[in-house]
Every structure is written in C-alpha cells, then in structure tokens.
C-alpha cells in the first residue's frame, strides 16, 4: 500500500480520498483490505479497513 499512499490526499475515520489523477491500477476495489501503519498528514494514525464502496467526486 506504500505506493498507493502517495496518491492519498485526505481521510477521515471511515473514508480515504485519492487524488483525481491517481492511476486506475492504484485504486482499491470493493472488497479490498487496506492497511498501513505509516503515519502522514493524510493518514495521521495510519489506516485499516475494507473497501465497502467507491464514489467519485470532483477534486478527489
């Protein structure tokens, strides 16, 4: 997930936001498990979760 983290622009407790220009091959798919214990401004406590849904919005 380290390469994927480079495309994360924000998060809250349940949602991870990816940059609009993230390559499709780097985006998670429904059912994927995501985990990182790397800490960054975008993931201040790391992240663990399972992708339940994917939504596209402007800017993310």
C-alpha atoms as a PDB file:
ATOM      1  CA  UNK A   1       0.000   0.000   0.000  1.00  0.00           C
ATOM      2  CA  UNK A   2       3.032   2.277   0.266  1.00  0.00           C
ATOM      3  CA  UNK A   3       2.819   3.315  -3.428  1.00  0.00           C
ATOM      4  CA  UNK A   4      -0.929   3.828  -3.091  1.00  0.00           C
ATOM      5  CA  UNK A   5      -0.428   6.114  -0.072  1.00  0.00           C
ATOM      6  CA  UNK A   6       1.416   8.589  -2.273  1.00  0.00           C
ATOM      7  CA  UNK A   7      -1.922   9.277  -4.037  1.00  0.00           C
ATOM      8  CA  UNK A   8      -3.995   9.807  -0.871  1.00  0.00           C
ATOM      9  CA  UNK A   9      -4.972  13.447  -0.365  1.00  0.00           C
ATOM     10  CA  UNK A  10      -7.030  13.083   2.801  1.00  0.00           C
ATOM     11  CA  UNK A  11      -9.028  10.842   5.087  1.00  0.00           C
ATOM     12  CA  UNK A  12     -11.445  10.719   7.956  1.00  0.00           C
ATOM     13  CA  UNK A  13     -12.211   7.778  10.228  1.00  0.00           C
ATOM     14  CA  UNK A  14     -14.091   5.848   7.511  1.00  0.00           C
ATOM     15  CA  UNK A  15     -13.102   7.358   4.171  1.00  0.00           C
ATOM     16  CA  UNK A  16      -9.864   7.658   2.226  1.00  0.00           C
ATOM     17  CA  UNK A  17      -9.680  10.283  -0.529  1.00  0.00           C
ATOM     18  CA  UNK A  18      -7.453   9.765  -3.566  1.00  0.00           C
ATOM     19  CA  UNK A  19      -6.149  12.427  -5.938  1.00  0.00           C
ATOM     20  CA  UNK A  20      -8.171  12.762  -9.135  1.00  0.00           C
ATOM     21  CA  UNK A  21      -5.118  11.831 -11.216  1.00  0.00           C
ATOM     22  CA  UNK A  22      -4.458   8.541  -9.381  1.00  0.00           C
ATOM     23  CA  UNK A  23      -3.808   5.788 -11.942  1.00  0.00           C
ATOM     24  CA  UNK A  24      -6.706   3.341 -12.110  1.00  0.00           C
ATOM     25  CA  UNK A  25      -4.326   0.478 -11.370  1.00  0.00           C
ATOM     26  CA  UNK A  26      -3.503   2.076  -7.997  1.00  0.00           C
ATOM     27  CA  UNK A  27      -7.112   2.496  -6.846  1.00  0.00           C
ATOM     28  CA  UNK A  28      -8.546  -0.102  -4.476  1.00  0.00           C
ATOM     29  CA  UNK A  29     -11.538  -2.204  -5.471  1.00  0.00           C
ATOM     30  CA  UNK A  30     -14.630  -3.101  -3.460  1.00  0.00           C
ATOM     31  CA  UNK A  31     -13.699  -5.940  -1.112  1.00  0.00           C
ATOM     32  CA  UNK A  32     -10.006  -4.999  -0.883  1.00  0.00           C
ATOM     33  CA  UNK A  33      -8.480  -4.816   2.593  1.00  0.00           C
ATOM     34  CA  UNK A  34      -6.325  -1.747   3.161  1.00  0.00           C
ATOM     35  CA  UNK A  35      -3.697  -1.417   5.868  1.00  0.00           C
ATOM     36  CA  UNK A  36      -0.812   0.888   6.581  1.00  0.00           C
ATOM     37  CA  UNK A  37       0.890   1.769   9.827  1.00  0.00           C
ATOM     38  CA  UNK A  38       2.757   4.578   8.087  1.00  0.00           C
ATOM     39  CA  UNK A  39       1.775   7.925   9.570  1.00  0.00           C
ATOM     40  CA  UNK A  40       1.408  11.042   7.410  1.00  0.00           C
ATOM     41  CA  UNK A  41      -0.623  14.269   7.411  1.00  0.00           C
ATOM     42  CA  UNK A  42      -3.210  12.482   5.226  1.00  0.00           C
ATOM     43  CA  UNK A  43      -3.301   9.378   7.460  1.00  0.00           C
ATOM     44  CA  UNK A  44      -2.383  10.685  10.933  1.00  0.00           C
ATOM     45  CA  UNK A  45      -2.978   7.324  12.657  1.00  0.00           C
ATOM     46  CA  UNK A  46      -2.369   5.010   9.705  1.00  0.00           C
ATOM     47  CA  UNK A  47      -5.346   3.139   8.272  1.00  0.00           C
ATOM     48  CA  UNK A  48      -7.011  -0.248   8.386  1.00  0.00           C
ATOM     49  CA  UNK A  49     -10.257  -1.049   6.654  1.00  0.00           C
ATOM     50  CA  UNK A  50     -12.126  -2.946   3.983  1.00  0.00           C
ATOM     51  CA  UNK A  51     -13.404  -1.172   0.881  1.00  0.00           C
ATOM     52  CA  UNK A  52     -17.207  -1.193   1.102  1.00  0.00           C
ATOM     53  CA  UNK A  53     -17.941   1.206  -1.752  1.00  0.00           C
ATOM     54  CA  UNK A  54     -16.288   3.586  -4.167  1.00  0.00           C
ATOM     55  CA  UNK A  55     -17.570   7.044  -5.007  1.00  0.00           C
ATOM     56  CA  UNK A  56     -16.121   9.523  -7.480  1.00  0.00           C
ATOM     57  CA  UNK A  57     -16.333  13.223  -6.751  1.00  0.00           C
ATOM     58  CA  UNK A  58     -14.783  16.342  -8.207  1.00  0.00           C
ATOM     59  CA  UNK A  59     -11.383  17.111  -6.747  1.00  0.00           C
ATOM     60  CA  UNK A  60     -10.854  13.600  -5.349  1.00  0.00           C
END
